[in-house]
Amino acid sequence: MTLNEIYERIPAFKCVSGCSACCGIVPIAPAEIENIASYIAMNGVQVRVLGTDLLTCPYVVNERCSIHSVRPALCRIFGVTNDKYMRCPNGGKAARIMPKGEADEILASVFQAGLKEEARR
């Protein structure tokens, strides 16, 4: 299963415009790192230097995600699961709320997809 096929299992989510309250440092699967690096190189995306702000995602620029179309699975899942730590603090709307177990399965699938890609090389 490809990353895009896995991502398609995640319900749509409508963020509050200009909000980046949930954007922090998250675990990223190796396959996602490759996608993000390619996207940055092809689109000239600027990445913030973290400096002393180690809790804010380096891809948040002017309160917006500069890699939104290739953002990691954990970012895509934020706000669409019933996990109490993954709820939108600002009223973003999910197409549906998925159980935490389903979200966990998706995250595991993303990391497994990367391992399968590595094995093919």
PDB file of N, CA and C in Angstrom:
ATOM      1  N   MET A   1       0.852  -1.176   0.000  1.00  0.00           N
ATOM      2  CA  MET A   1       0.000   0.000   0.000  1.00  0.00           C
ATOM      3  C   MET A   1       0.901   1.245   0.000  1.00  0.00           C
ATOM      4  N   THR A   2       0.597   2.206  -0.860  1.00  0.00           N
ATOM      5  CA  THR A   2       1.397   3.427  -0.946  1.00  0.00           C
ATOM      6  C   THR A   2       0.976   4.420   0.146  1.00  0.00           C
ATOM      7  N   LEU A   3       1.815   5.416   0.376  1.00  0.00           N
ATOM      8  CA  LEU A   3       1.457   6.452   1.346  1.00  0.00           C
ATOM      9  C   LEU A   3       0.142   7.124   0.971  1.00  0.00           C
ATOM     10  N   ASN A   4      -0.036   7.451  -0.302  1.00  0.00           N
ATOM     11  CA  ASN A   4      -1.270   8.119  -0.711  1.00  0.00           C
ATOM     12  C   ASN A   4      -2.494   7.247  -0.466  1.00  0.00           C
ATOM     13  N   GLU A   5      -2.365   5.949  -0.691  1.00  0.00           N
ATOM     14  CA  GLU A   5      -3.483   5.042  -0.407  1.00  0.00           C
ATOM     15  C   GLU A   5      -3.791   5.011   1.087  1.00  0.00           C
ATOM     16  N   ILE A   6      -2.754   5.045   1.891  1.00  0.00           N
ATOM     17  CA  ILE A   6      -2.955   5.086   3.346  1.00  0.00           C
ATOM     18  C   ILE A   6      -3.596   6.411   3.740  1.00  0.00           C
ATOM     19  N   TYR A   7      -3.081   7.503   3.208  1.00  0.00           N
ATOM     20  CA  TYR A   7      -3.627   8.831   3.530  1.00  0.00           C
ATOM     21  C   TYR A   7      -5.098   8.948   3.149  1.00  0.00           C
ATOM     22  N   GLU A   8      -5.516   8.270   2.082  1.00  0.00           N
ATOM     23  CA  GLU A   8      -6.921   8.324   1.655  1.00  0.00           C
ATOM     24  C   GLU A   8      -7.867   7.720   2.690  1.00  0.00           C
ATOM     25  N   ARG A   9      -7.358   6.916   3.596  1.00  0.00           N
ATOM     26  CA  ARG A   9      -8.177   6.326   4.663  1.00  0.00           C
ATOM     27  C   ARG A   9      -8.475   7.327   5.787  1.00  0.00           C
ATOM     28  N   ILE A  10      -7.781   8.445   5.784  1.00  0.00           N
ATOM     29  CA  ILE A  10      -7.936   9.449   6.844  1.00  0.00           C
ATOM     30  C   ILE A  10      -9.054  10.418   6.446  1.00  0.00           C
ATOM     31  N   PRO A  11     -10.042  10.616   7.332  1.00  0.00           N
ATOM     32  CA  PRO A  11     -11.141  11.537   7.014  1.00  0.00           C
ATOM     33  C   PRO A  11     -10.641  12.962   6.756  1.00  0.00           C
ATOM     34  N   ALA A  12     -11.377  13.674   5.936  1.00  0.00           N
ATOM     35  CA  ALA A  12     -11.047  15.072   5.661  1.00  0.00           C
ATOM     36  C   ALA A  12     -11.207  15.902   6.933  1.00  0.00           C
ATOM     37  N   PHE A  13     -10.421  16.963   7.016  1.00  0.00           N
ATOM     38  CA  PHE A  13     -10.462  17.845   8.177  1.00  0.00           C
ATOM     39  C   PHE A  13     -10.334  19.282   7.704  1.00  0.00           C
ATOM     40  N   LYS A  14     -11.182  20.141   8.210  1.00  0.00           N
ATOM     41  CA  LYS A  14     -11.171  21.563   7.848  1.00  0.00           C
ATOM     42  C   LYS A  14     -10.580  22.352   9.001  1.00  0.00           C
ATOM     43  N   CYS A  15      -9.331  22.809   8.807  1.00  0.00           N
ATOM     44  CA  CYS A  15      -8.665  23.614   9.832  1.00  0.00           C
ATOM     45  C   CYS A  15      -9.280  25.011   9.906  1.00  0.00           C
ATOM     46  N   VAL A  16      -9.088  25.640  11.044  1.00  0.00           N
ATOM     47  CA  VAL A  16      -9.444  27.044  11.211  1.00  0.00           C
ATOM     48  C   VAL A  16      -8.342  27.845  10.520  1.00  0.00           C
ATOM     49  N   SER A  17      -8.698  28.732   9.631  1.00  0.00           N
ATOM     50  CA  SER A  17      -7.729  29.491   8.848  1.00  0.00           C
ATOM     51  C   SER A  17      -6.728  30.224   9.737  1.00  0.00           C
ATOM     52  N   GLY A  18      -5.446  30.079   9.389  1.00  0.00           N
ATOM     53  CA  GLY A  18      -4.383  30.772  10.108  1.00  0.00           C
ATOM     54  C   GLY A  18      -4.000  30.143  11.431  1.00  0.00           C
ATOM     55  N   CYS A  19      -4.603  29.012  11.764  1.00  0.00           N
ATOM     56  CA  CYS A  19      -4.309  28.354  13.031  1.00  0.00           C
ATOM     57  C   CYS A  19      -3.155  27.367  12.843  1.00  0.00           C
ATOM     58  N   SER A  20      -2.241  27.366  13.763  1.00  0.00           N
ATOM     59  CA  SER A  20      -1.174  26.364  13.769  1.00  0.00           C
ATOM     60  C   SER A  20      -0.964  25.853  15.193  1.00  0.00           C
ATOM     61  N   ALA A  21      -2.017  25.935  15.997  1.00  0.00           N
ATOM     62  CA  ALA A  21      -1.932  25.573  17.412  1.00  0.00           C
ATOM     63  C   ALA A  21      -1.495  24.134  17.631  1.00  0.00           C
ATOM     64  N   CYS A  22      -1.829  23.245  16.716  1.00  0.00           N
ATOM     65  CA  CYS A  22      -1.496  21.829  16.894  1.00  0.00           C
ATOM     66  C   CYS A  22      -0.165  21.453  16.247  1.00  0.00           C
ATOM     67  N   CYS A  23       0.465  22.378  15.588  1.00  0.00           N
ATOM     68  CA  CYS A  23       1.662  22.066  14.804  1.00  0.00           C
ATOM     69  C   CYS A  23       2.910  22.032  15.674  1.00  0.00           C
ATOM     70  N   GLY A  24       3.316  20.820  16.002  1.00  0.00           N
ATOM     71  CA  GLY A  24       4.510  20.636  16.809  1.00  0.00           C
ATOM     72  C   GLY A  24       5.446  19.653  16.140  1.00  0.00           C
ATOM     73  N   ILE A  25       6.451  19.255  16.846  1.00  0.00           N
ATOM     74  CA  ILE A  25       7.390  18.262  16.341  1.00  0.00           C
ATOM     75  C   ILE A  25       6.703  16.896  16.432  1.00  0.00           C
ATOM     76  N   VAL A  26       6.654  16.168  15.325  1.00  0.00           N
ATOM     77  CA  VAL A  26       5.983  14.867  15.286  1.00  0.00           C
ATOM     78  C   VAL A  26       6.903  13.805  14.690  1.00  0.00           C
ATOM     79  N   PRO A  27       6.662  12.544  15.033  1.00  0.00           N
ATOM     80  CA  PRO A  27       7.436  11.478  14.390  1.00  0.00           C
ATOM     81  C   PRO A  27       7.049  11.386  12.921  1.00  0.00           C
ATOM     82  N   ILE A  28       8.035  11.191  12.079  1.00  0.00           N
ATOM     83  CA  ILE A  28       7.809  11.116  10.635  1.00  0.00           C
ATOM     84  C   ILE A  28       8.452   9.836  10.124  1.00  0.00           C
ATOM     85  N   ALA A  29       7.694   9.070   9.361  1.00  0.00           N
ATOM     86  CA  ALA A  29       8.203   7.827   8.790  1.00  0.00           C
ATOM     87  C   ALA A  29       9.249   8.144   7.717  1.00  0.00           C
ATOM     88  N   PRO A  30      10.213   7.242   7.514  1.00  0.00           N
ATOM     89  CA  PRO A  30      11.243   7.472   6.497  1.00  0.00           C
ATOM     90  C   PRO A  30      10.677   7.800   5.107  1.00  0.00           C
ATOM     91  N   ALA A  31       9.625   7.119   4.701  1.00  0.00           N
ATOM     92  CA  ALA A  31       9.026   7.400   3.387  1.00  0.00           C
ATOM     93  C   ALA A  31       8.460   8.820   3.341  1.00  0.00           C
ATOM     94  N   GLU A  32       7.926   9.287   4.457  1.00  0.00           N
ATOM     95  CA  GLU A  32       7.394  10.647   4.516  1.00  0.00           C
ATOM     96  C   GLU A  32       8.523  11.669   4.460  1.00  0.00           C
ATOM     97  N   ILE A  33       9.639  11.364   5.105  1.00  0.00           N
ATOM     98  CA  ILE A  33      10.799  12.262   5.065  1.00  0.00           C
ATOM     99  C   ILE A  33      11.245  12.455   3.621  1.00  0.00           C
ATOM    100  N   GLU A  34      11.299  11.372   2.879  1.00  0.00           N
ATOM    101  CA  GLU A  34      11.686  11.458   1.460  1.00  0.00           C
ATOM    102  C   GLU A  34      10.713  12.333   0.675  1.00  0.00           C
ATOM    103  N   ASN A  35       9.413  12.142   0.906  1.00  0.00           N
ATOM    104  CA  ASN A  35       8.405  12.968   0.206  1.00  0.00           C
ATOM    105  C   ASN A  35       8.572  14.446   0.548  1.00  0.00           C
ATOM    106  N   ILE A  36       8.760  14.721   1.819  1.00  0.00           N
ATOM    107  CA  ILE A  36       8.901  16.116   2.268  1.00  0.00           C
ATOM    108  C   ILE A  36      10.164  16.732   1.677  1.00  0.00           C
ATOM    109  N   ALA A  37      11.273  15.999   1.715  1.00  0.00           N
ATOM    110  CA  ALA A  37      12.537  16.518   1.167  1.00  0.00           C
ATOM    111  C   ALA A  37      12.400  16.811  -0.324  1.00  0.00           C
ATOM    112  N   SER A  38      11.763  15.921  -1.068  1.00  0.00           N
ATOM    113  CA  SER A  38      11.560  16.147  -2.510  1.00  0.00           C
ATOM    114  C   SER A  38      10.688  17.364  -2.747  1.00  0.00           C
ATOM    115  N   TYR A  39       9.622  17.483  -1.962  1.00  0.00           N
ATOM    116  CA  TYR A  39       8.698  18.609  -2.103  1.00  0.00           C
ATOM    117  C   TYR A  39       9.415  19.932  -1.825  1.00  0.00           C
ATOM    118  N   ILE A  40      10.214  19.966  -0.773  1.00  0.00           N
ATOM    119  CA  ILE A  40      10.960  21.177  -0.416  1.00  0.00           C
ATOM    120  C   ILE A  40      11.920  21.548  -1.541  1.00  0.00           C
ATOM    121  N   ALA A  41      12.647  20.567  -2.067  1.00  0.00           N
ATOM    122  CA  ALA A  41      13.619  20.822  -3.135  1.00  0.00           C
ATOM    123  C   ALA A  41      12.930  21.316  -4.414  1.00  0.00           C
ATOM    124  N   MET A  42      11.817  20.699  -4.770  1.00  0.00           N
ATOM    125  CA  MET A  42      11.122  21.064  -6.021  1.00  0.00           C
ATOM    126  C   MET A  42      10.368  22.387  -5.926  1.00  0.00           C
ATOM    127  N   ASN A  43       9.956  22.761  -4.706  1.00  0.00           N
ATOM    128  CA  ASN A  43       9.120  23.953  -4.556  1.00  0.00           C
ATOM    129  C   ASN A  43       9.807  25.107  -3.848  1.00  0.00           C
ATOM    130  N   GLY A  44      11.078  24.931  -3.514  1.00  0.00           N
ATOM    131  CA  GLY A  44      11.808  26.018  -2.864  1.00  0.00           C
ATOM    132  C   GLY A  44      11.208  26.446  -1.540  1.00  0.00           C
ATOM    133  N   VAL A  45      10.650  25.511  -0.807  1.00  0.00           N
ATOM    134  CA  VAL A  45      10.027  25.809   0.479  1.00  0.00           C
ATOM    135  C   VAL A  45      11.099  26.204   1.484  1.00  0.00           C
ATOM    136  N   GLN A  46      10.828  27.279   2.197  1.00  0.00           N
ATOM    137  CA  GLN A  46      11.752  27.691   3.246  1.00  0.00           C
ATOM    138  C   GLN A  46      11.365  27.020   4.550  1.00  0.00           C
ATOM    139  N   VAL A  47      12.346  26.566   5.267  1.00  0.00           N
ATOM    140  CA  VAL A  47      12.135  25.899   6.546  1.00  0.00           C
ATOM    141  C   VAL A  47      12.685  26.802   7.630  1.00  0.00           C
ATOM    142  N   ARG A  48      11.902  26.986   8.680  1.00  0.00           N
ATOM    143  CA  ARG A  48      12.357  27.806   9.803  1.00  0.00           C
ATOM    144  C   ARG A  48      13.491  27.110  10.532  1.00  0.00           C
ATOM    145  N   VAL A  49      14.460  27.856  10.954  1.00  0.00           N
ATOM    146  CA  VAL A  49      15.510  27.322  11.816  1.00  0.00           C
ATOM    147  C   VAL A  49      14.909  27.270  13.208  1.00  0.00           C
ATOM    148  N   LEU A  50      15.026  26.129  13.861  1.00  0.00           N
ATOM    149  CA  LEU A  50      14.357  25.949  15.147  1.00  0.00           C
ATOM    150  C   LEU A  50      14.891  26.855  16.243  1.00  0.00           C
ATOM    151  N   GLY A  51      16.182  27.045  16.312  1.00  0.00           N
ATOM    152  CA  GLY A  51      16.742  27.881  17.371  1.00  0.00           C
ATOM    153  C   GLY A  51      16.320  27.369  18.735  1.00  0.00           C
ATOM    154  N   THR A  52      15.753  28.226  19.548  1.00  0.00           N
ATOM    155  CA  THR A  52      15.320  27.824  20.889  1.00  0.00           C
ATOM    156  C   THR A  52      13.885  27.320  20.903  1.00  0.00           C
ATOM    157  N   ASP A  53      13.146  27.487  19.823  1.00  0.00           N
ATOM    158  CA  ASP A  53      11.756  27.042  19.748  1.00  0.00           C
ATOM    159  C   ASP A  53      11.716  25.593  19.267  1.00  0.00           C
ATOM    160  N   LEU A  54      11.887  24.673  20.184  1.00  0.00           N
ATOM    161  CA  LEU A  54      11.973  23.261  19.825  1.00  0.00           C
ATOM    162  C   LEU A  54      10.622  22.560  19.807  1.00  0.00           C
ATOM    163  N   LEU A  55       9.548  23.278  20.098  1.00  0.00           N
ATOM    164  CA  LEU A  55       8.235  22.652  20.159  1.00  0.00           C
ATOM    165  C   LEU A  55       7.351  22.974  18.964  1.00  0.00           C
ATOM    166  N   THR A  56       7.774  23.887  18.120  1.00  0.00           N
ATOM    167  CA  THR A  56       6.983  24.272  16.960  1.00  0.00           C
ATOM    168  C   THR A  56       7.553  23.626  15.709  1.00  0.00           C
ATOM    169  N   CYS A  57       6.693  23.129  14.877  1.00  0.00           N
ATOM    170  CA  CYS A  57       7.110  22.486  13.633  1.00  0.00           C
ATOM    171  C   CYS A  57       7.915  23.461  12.768  1.00  0.00           C
ATOM    172  N   PRO A  58       9.041  23.018  12.231  1.00  0.00           N
ATOM    173  CA  PRO A  58       9.864  23.907  11.399  1.00  0.00           C
ATOM    174  C   PRO A  58       9.218  24.240  10.053  1.00  0.00           C
ATOM    175  N   TYR A  59       8.145  23.535   9.707  1.00  0.00           N
ATOM    176  CA  TYR A  59       7.474  23.784   8.430  1.00  0.00           C
ATOM    177  C   TYR A  59       6.329  24.785   8.555  1.00  0.00           C
ATOM    178  N   VAL A  60       6.085  25.286   9.770  1.00  0.00           N
ATOM    179  CA  VAL A  60       5.076  26.323   9.960  1.00  0.00           C
ATOM    180  C   VAL A  60       5.732  27.665   9.677  1.00  0.00           C
ATOM    181  N   VAL A  61       5.229  28.337   8.656  1.00  0.00           N
ATOM    182  CA  VAL A  61       5.753  29.638   8.268  1.00  0.00           C
ATOM    183  C   VAL A  61       4.561  30.592   8.192  1.00  0.00           C
ATOM    184  N   ASN A  62       4.627  31.690   8.922  1.00  0.00           N
ATOM    185  CA  ASN A  62       3.526  32.661   8.965  1.00  0.00           C
ATOM    186  C   ASN A  62       2.205  31.997   9.349  1.00  0.00           C
ATOM    187  N   GLU A  63       2.265  31.140  10.376  1.00  0.00           N
ATOM    188  CA  GLU A  63       1.089  30.450  10.919  1.00  0.00           C
ATOM    189  C   GLU A  63       0.398  29.514   9.928  1.00  0.00           C
ATOM    190  N   ARG A  64       1.139  29.067   8.909  1.00  0.00           N
ATOM    191  CA  ARG A  64       0.582  28.138   7.917  1.00  0.00           C
ATOM    192  C   ARG A  64       1.583  27.016   7.663  1.00  0.00           C
ATOM    193  N   CYS A  65       1.061  25.859   7.287  1.00  0.00           N
ATOM    194  CA  CYS A  65       1.911  24.719   6.972  1.00  0.00           C
ATOM    195  C   CYS A  65       2.465  24.880   5.560  1.00  0.00           C
ATOM    196  N   SER A  66       3.777  24.952   5.456  1.00  0.00           N
ATOM    197  CA  SER A  66       4.404  25.154   4.147  1.00  0.00           C
ATOM    198  C   SER A  66       4.547  23.845   3.361  1.00  0.00           C
ATOM    199  N   ILE A  67       4.213  22.717   3.996  1.00  0.00           N
ATOM    200  CA  ILE A  67       4.301  21.415   3.314  1.00  0.00           C
ATOM    201  C   ILE A  67       2.949  20.688   3.371  1.00  0.00           C
ATOM    202  N   HIS A  68       1.872  21.429   3.446  1.00  0.00           N
ATOM    203  CA  HIS A  68       0.545  20.855   3.701  1.00  0.00           C
ATOM    204  C   HIS A  68       0.206  19.667   2.806  1.00  0.00           C
ATOM    205  N   SER A  69       0.519  19.738   1.537  1.00  0.00           N
ATOM    206  CA  SER A  69       0.141  18.648   0.620  1.00  0.00           C
ATOM    207  C   SER A  69       0.939  17.369   0.856  1.00  0.00           C
ATOM    208  N   VAL A  70       2.075  17.465   1.549  1.00  0.00           N
ATOM    209  CA  VAL A  70       2.893  16.274   1.847  1.00  0.00           C
ATOM    210  C   VAL A  70       3.107  16.107   3.360  1.00  0.00           C
ATOM    211  N   ARG A  71       2.256  16.723   4.153  1.00  0.00           N
ATOM    212  CA  ARG A  71       2.400  16.655   5.610  1.00  0.00           C
ATOM    213  C   ARG A  71       2.329  15.202   6.089  1.00  0.00           C
ATOM    214  N   PRO A  72       2.984  14.915   7.218  1.00  0.00           N
ATOM    215  CA  PRO A  72       3.014  13.550   7.754  1.00  0.00           C
ATOM    216  C   PRO A  72       1.632  13.044   8.191  1.00  0.00           C
ATOM    217  N   ALA A  73       1.537  11.736   8.326  1.00  0.00           N
ATOM    218  CA  ALA A  73       0.276  11.095   8.712  1.00  0.00           C
ATOM    219  C   ALA A  73      -0.243  11.615  10.052  1.00  0.00           C
ATOM    220  N   LEU A  74       0.644  11.797  11.024  1.00  0.00           N
ATOM    221  CA  LEU A  74       0.192  12.260  12.332  1.00  0.00           C
ATOM    222  C   LEU A  74      -0.475  13.628  12.229  1.00  0.00           C
ATOM    223  N   CYS A  75       0.032  14.493  11.381  1.00  0.00           N
ATOM    224  CA  CYS A  75      -0.586  15.803  11.159  1.00  0.00           C
ATOM    225  C   CYS A  75      -1.969  15.639  10.514  1.00  0.00           C
ATOM    226  N   ARG A  76      -2.087  14.708   9.598  1.00  0.00           N
ATOM    227  CA  ARG A  76      -3.361  14.456   8.914  1.00  0.00           C
ATOM    228  C   ARG A  76      -4.406  13.886   9.871  1.00  0.00           C
ATOM    229  N   ILE A  77      -3.946  13.141  10.876  1.00  0.00           N
ATOM    230  CA  ILE A  77      -4.860  12.490  11.820  1.00  0.00           C
ATOM    231  C   ILE A  77      -5.333  13.445  12.913  1.00  0.00           C
ATOM    232  N   PHE A  78      -4.554  14.487  13.181  1.00  0.00           N
ATOM    233  CA  PHE A  78      -4.929  15.431  14.241  1.00  0.00           C
ATOM    234  C   PHE A  78      -6.324  15.998  13.958  1.00  0.00           C
ATOM    235  N   GLY A  79      -7.205  15.910  14.943  1.00  0.00           N
ATOM    236  CA  GLY A  79      -8.556  16.460  14.808  1.00  0.00           C
ATOM    237  C   GLY A  79      -9.590  15.491  14.260  1.00  0.00           C
ATOM    238  N   VAL A  80      -9.154  14.319  13.772  1.00  0.00           N
ATOM    239  CA  VAL A  80     -10.127  13.384  13.194  1.00  0.00           C
ATOM    240  C   VAL A  80     -10.238  12.080  13.995  1.00  0.00           C
ATOM    241  N   THR A  81      -9.598  12.022  15.149  1.00  0.00           N
ATOM    242  CA  THR A  81      -9.675  10.827  15.985  1.00  0.00           C
ATOM    243  C   THR A  81     -10.240  11.185  17.351  1.00  0.00           C
ATOM    244  N   ASN A  82     -10.787  10.190  18.018  1.00  0.00           N
ATOM    245  CA  ASN A  82     -11.348  10.459  19.346  1.00  0.00           C
ATOM    246  C   ASN A  82     -10.307  10.390  20.460  1.00  0.00           C
ATOM    247  N   ASP A  83      -9.044  10.291  20.102  1.00  0.00           N
ATOM    248  CA  ASP A  83      -7.963  10.341  21.083  1.00  0.00           C
ATOM    249  C   ASP A  83      -7.970  11.728  21.733  1.00  0.00           C
ATOM    250  N   LYS A  84      -8.058  11.772  23.051  1.00  0.00           N
ATOM    251  CA  LYS A  84      -8.198  13.063  23.739  1.00  0.00           C
ATOM    252  C   LYS A  84      -7.024  14.002  23.512  1.00  0.00           C
ATOM    253  N   TYR A  85      -5.855  13.466  23.158  1.00  0.00           N
ATOM    254  CA  TYR A  85      -4.677  14.304  22.918  1.00  0.00           C
ATOM    255  C   TYR A  85      -4.599  14.802  21.475  1.00  0.00           C
ATOM    256  N   MET A  86      -5.504  14.343  20.648  1.00  0.00           N
ATOM    257  CA  MET A  86      -5.465  14.693  19.219  1.00  0.00           C
ATOM    258  C   MET A  86      -6.688  15.498  18.787  1.00  0.00           C
ATOM    259  N   ARG A  87      -7.357  16.136  19.732  1.00  0.00           N
ATOM    260  CA  ARG A  87      -8.539  16.939  19.412  1.00  0.00           C
ATOM    261  C   ARG A  87      -8.127  18.360  19.042  1.00  0.00           C
ATOM    262  N   CYS A  88      -8.831  18.913  18.079  1.00  0.00           N
ATOM    263  CA  CYS A  88      -8.556  20.296  17.666  1.00  0.00           C
ATOM    264  C   CYS A  88      -8.998  21.256  18.768  1.00  0.00           C
ATOM    265  N   PRO A  89      -8.095  22.118  19.240  1.00  0.00           N
ATOM    266  CA  PRO A  89      -8.462  23.050  20.305  1.00  0.00           C
ATOM    267  C   PRO A  89      -9.261  24.258  19.808  1.00  0.00           C
ATOM    268  N   ASN A  90      -9.371  24.402  18.486  1.00  0.00           N
ATOM    269  CA  ASN A  90     -10.011  25.603  17.943  1.00  0.00           C
ATOM    270  C   ASN A  90     -11.232  25.342  17.078  1.00  0.00           C
ATOM    271  N   GLY A  91     -11.833  24.187  17.210  1.00  0.00           N
ATOM    272  CA  GLY A  91     -13.096  23.933  16.526  1.00  0.00           C
ATOM    273  C   GLY A  91     -13.007  23.513  15.073  1.00  0.00           C
ATOM    274  N   GLY A  92     -11.860  22.999  14.637  1.00  0.00           N
ATOM    275  CA  GLY A  92     -11.776  22.473  13.279  1.00  0.00           C
ATOM    276  C   GLY A  92     -12.766  21.331  13.110  1.00  0.00           C
ATOM    277  N   LYS A  93     -13.234  21.110  11.904  1.00  0.00           N
ATOM    278  CA  LYS A  93     -14.285  20.123  11.654  1.00  0.00           C
ATOM    279  C   LYS A  93     -13.779  18.930  10.853  1.00  0.00           C
ATOM    280  N   ALA A  94     -14.071  17.743  11.352  1.00  0.00           N
ATOM    281  CA  ALA A  94     -13.711  16.498  10.662  1.00  0.00           C
ATOM    282  C   ALA A  94     -14.920  15.964   9.914  1.00  0.00           C
ATOM    283  N   ALA A  95     -14.656  15.328   8.758  1.00  0.00           N
ATOM    284  CA  ALA A  95     -15.730  14.687   7.998  1.00  0.00           C
ATOM    285  C   ALA A  95     -16.331  13.548   8.820  1.00  0.00           C
ATOM    286  N   ARG A  96     -15.494  12.865   9.575  1.00  0.00           N
ATOM    287  CA  ARG A  96     -15.943  11.858  10.538  1.00  0.00           C
ATOM    288  C   ARG A  96     -14.847  11.706  11.579  1.00  0.00           C
ATOM    289  N   ILE A  97     -15.242  11.259  12.759  1.00  0.00           N
ATOM    290  CA  ILE A  97     -14.277  11.008  13.824  1.00  0.00           C
ATOM    291  C   ILE A  97     -13.984   9.511  13.838  1.00  0.00           C
ATOM    292  N   MET A  98     -12.712   9.165  13.711  1.00  0.00           N
ATOM    293  CA  MET A  98     -12.360   7.746  13.718  1.00  0.00           C
ATOM    294  C   MET A  98     -11.859   7.332  15.090  1.00  0.00           C
ATOM    295  N   PRO A  99     -12.091   6.068  15.442  1.00  0.00           N
ATOM    296  CA  PRO A  99     -11.617   5.570  16.734  1.00  0.00           C
ATOM    297  C   PRO A  99     -10.085   5.612  16.814  1.00  0.00           C
ATOM    298  N   LYS A 100      -9.568   5.757  18.023  1.00  0.00           N
ATOM    299  CA  LYS A 100      -8.124   5.810  18.238  1.00  0.00           C
ATOM    300  C   LYS A 100      -7.437   4.583  17.647  1.00  0.00           C
ATOM    301  N   GLY A 101      -8.043   3.420  17.773  1.00  0.00           N
ATOM    302  CA  GLY A 101      -7.451   2.195  17.237  1.00  0.00           C
ATOM    303  C   GLY A 101      -7.252   2.258  15.738  1.00  0.00           C
ATOM    304  N   GLU A 102      -8.207   2.840  15.034  1.00  0.00           N
ATOM    305  CA  GLU A 102      -8.079   2.997  13.578  1.00  0.00           C
ATOM    306  C   GLU A 102      -6.943   3.954  13.241  1.00  0.00           C
ATOM    307  N   ALA A 103      -6.832   5.032  14.003  1.00  0.00           N
ATOM    308  CA  ALA A 103      -5.744   5.996  13.794  1.00  0.00           C
ATOM    309  C   ALA A 103      -4.392   5.328  14.044  1.00  0.00           C
ATOM    310  N   ASP A 104      -4.323   4.515  15.095  1.00  0.00           N
ATOM    311  CA  ASP A 104      -3.079   3.799  15.397  1.00  0.00           C
ATOM    312  C   ASP A 104      -2.698   2.847  14.266  1.00  0.00           C
ATOM    313  N   GLU A 105      -3.692   2.166  13.689  1.00  0.00           N
ATOM    314  CA  GLU A 105      -3.439   1.255  12.564  1.00  0.00           C
ATOM    315  C   GLU A 105      -2.883   2.012  11.357  1.00  0.00           C
ATOM    316  N   ILE A 106      -3.443   3.179  11.093  1.00  0.00           N
ATOM    317  CA  ILE A 106      -2.979   3.984   9.962  1.00  0.00           C
ATOM    318  C   ILE A 106      -1.532   4.411  10.183  1.00  0.00           C
ATOM    319  N   LEU A 107      -1.224   4.874  11.380  1.00  0.00           N
ATOM    320  CA  LEU A 107       0.146   5.289  11.672  1.00  0.00           C
ATOM    321  C   LEU A 107       1.120   4.121  11.533  1.00  0.00           C
ATOM    322  N   ALA A 108       0.726   2.954  12.006  1.00  0.00           N
ATOM    323  CA  ALA A 108       1.578   1.774  11.857  1.00  0.00           C
ATOM    324  C   ALA A 108       1.772   1.440  10.384  1.00  0.00           C
ATOM    325  N   SER A 109       0.714   1.577   9.589  1.00  0.00           N
ATOM    326  CA  SER A 109       0.794   1.298   8.149  1.00  0.00           C
ATOM    327  C   SER A 109       1.778   2.227   7.453  1.00  0.00           C
ATOM    328  N   VAL A 110       1.812   3.485   7.868  1.00  0.00           N
ATOM    329  CA  VAL A 110       2.736   4.457   7.266  1.00  0.00           C
ATOM    330  C   VAL A 110       4.177   4.040   7.517  1.00  0.00           C
ATOM    331  N   PHE A 111       4.479   3.646   8.734  1.00  0.00           N
ATOM    332  CA  PHE A 111       5.846   3.228   9.036  1.00  0.00           C
ATOM    333  C   PHE A 111       6.187   1.914   8.342  1.00  0.00           C
ATOM    334  N   GLN A 112       5.230   1.003   8.232  1.00  0.00           N
ATOM    335  CA  GLN A 112       5.462  -0.258   7.523  1.00  0.00           C
ATOM    336  C   GLN A 112       5.670  -0.012   6.033  1.00  0.00           C
ATOM    337  N   ALA A 113       4.941   0.939   5.467  1.00  0.00           N
ATOM    338  CA  ALA A 113       5.110   1.262   4.038  1.00  0.00           C
ATOM    339  C   ALA A 113       6.534   1.709   3.771  1.00  0.00           C
ATOM    340  N   GLY A 114       7.089   2.498   4.671  1.00  0.00           N
ATOM    341  CA  GLY A 114       8.469   2.948   4.521  1.00  0.00           C
ATOM    342  C   GLY A 114       9.457   1.802   4.615  1.00  0.00           C
ATOM    343  N   LEU A 115       9.198   0.868   5.520  1.00  0.00           N
ATOM    344  CA  LEU A 115      10.090  -0.280   5.669  1.00  0.00           C
ATOM    345  C   LEU A 115      10.044  -1.169   4.429  1.00  0.00           C
ATOM    346  N   LYS A 116       8.859  -1.328   3.851  1.00  0.00           N
ATOM    347  CA  LYS A 116       8.725  -2.133   2.636  1.00  0.00           C
ATOM    348  C   LYS A 116       9.467  -1.481   1.475  1.00  0.00           C
ATOM    349  N   GLU A 117       9.397  -0.146   1.393  1.00  0.00           N
ATOM    350  CA  GLU A 117      10.138   0.574   0.349  1.00  0.00           C
ATOM    351  C   GLU A 117      11.638   0.357   0.519  1.00  0.00           C
ATOM    352  N   GLU A 118      12.116   0.454   1.764  1.00  0.00           N
ATOM    353  CA  GLU A 118      13.538   0.242   2.039  1.00  0.00           C
ATOM    354  C   GLU A 118      13.977  -1.163   1.614  1.00  0.00           C
ATOM    355  N   ALA A 119      13.137  -2.145   1.887  1.00  0.00           N
ATOM    356  CA  ALA A 119      13.472  -3.536   1.570  1.00  0.00           C
ATOM    357  C   ALA A 119      13.563  -3.765   0.057  1.00  0.00           C
ATOM    358  N   ARG A 120      12.782  -3.014  -0.709  1.00  0.00           N
ATOM    359  CA  ARG A 120      12.789  -3.154  -2.174  1.00  0.00           C
ATOM    360  C   ARG A 120      14.049  -2.600  -2.807  1.00  0.00           C
ATOM    361  N   ARG A 121      14.740  -1.715  -2.115  1.00  0.00           N
ATOM    362  CA  ARG A 121      15.924  -1.058  -2.688  1.00  0.00           C
ATOM    363  C   ARG A 121      17.133  -1.925  -2.660  1.00  0.00           C
TER     364      ARG A 121
END
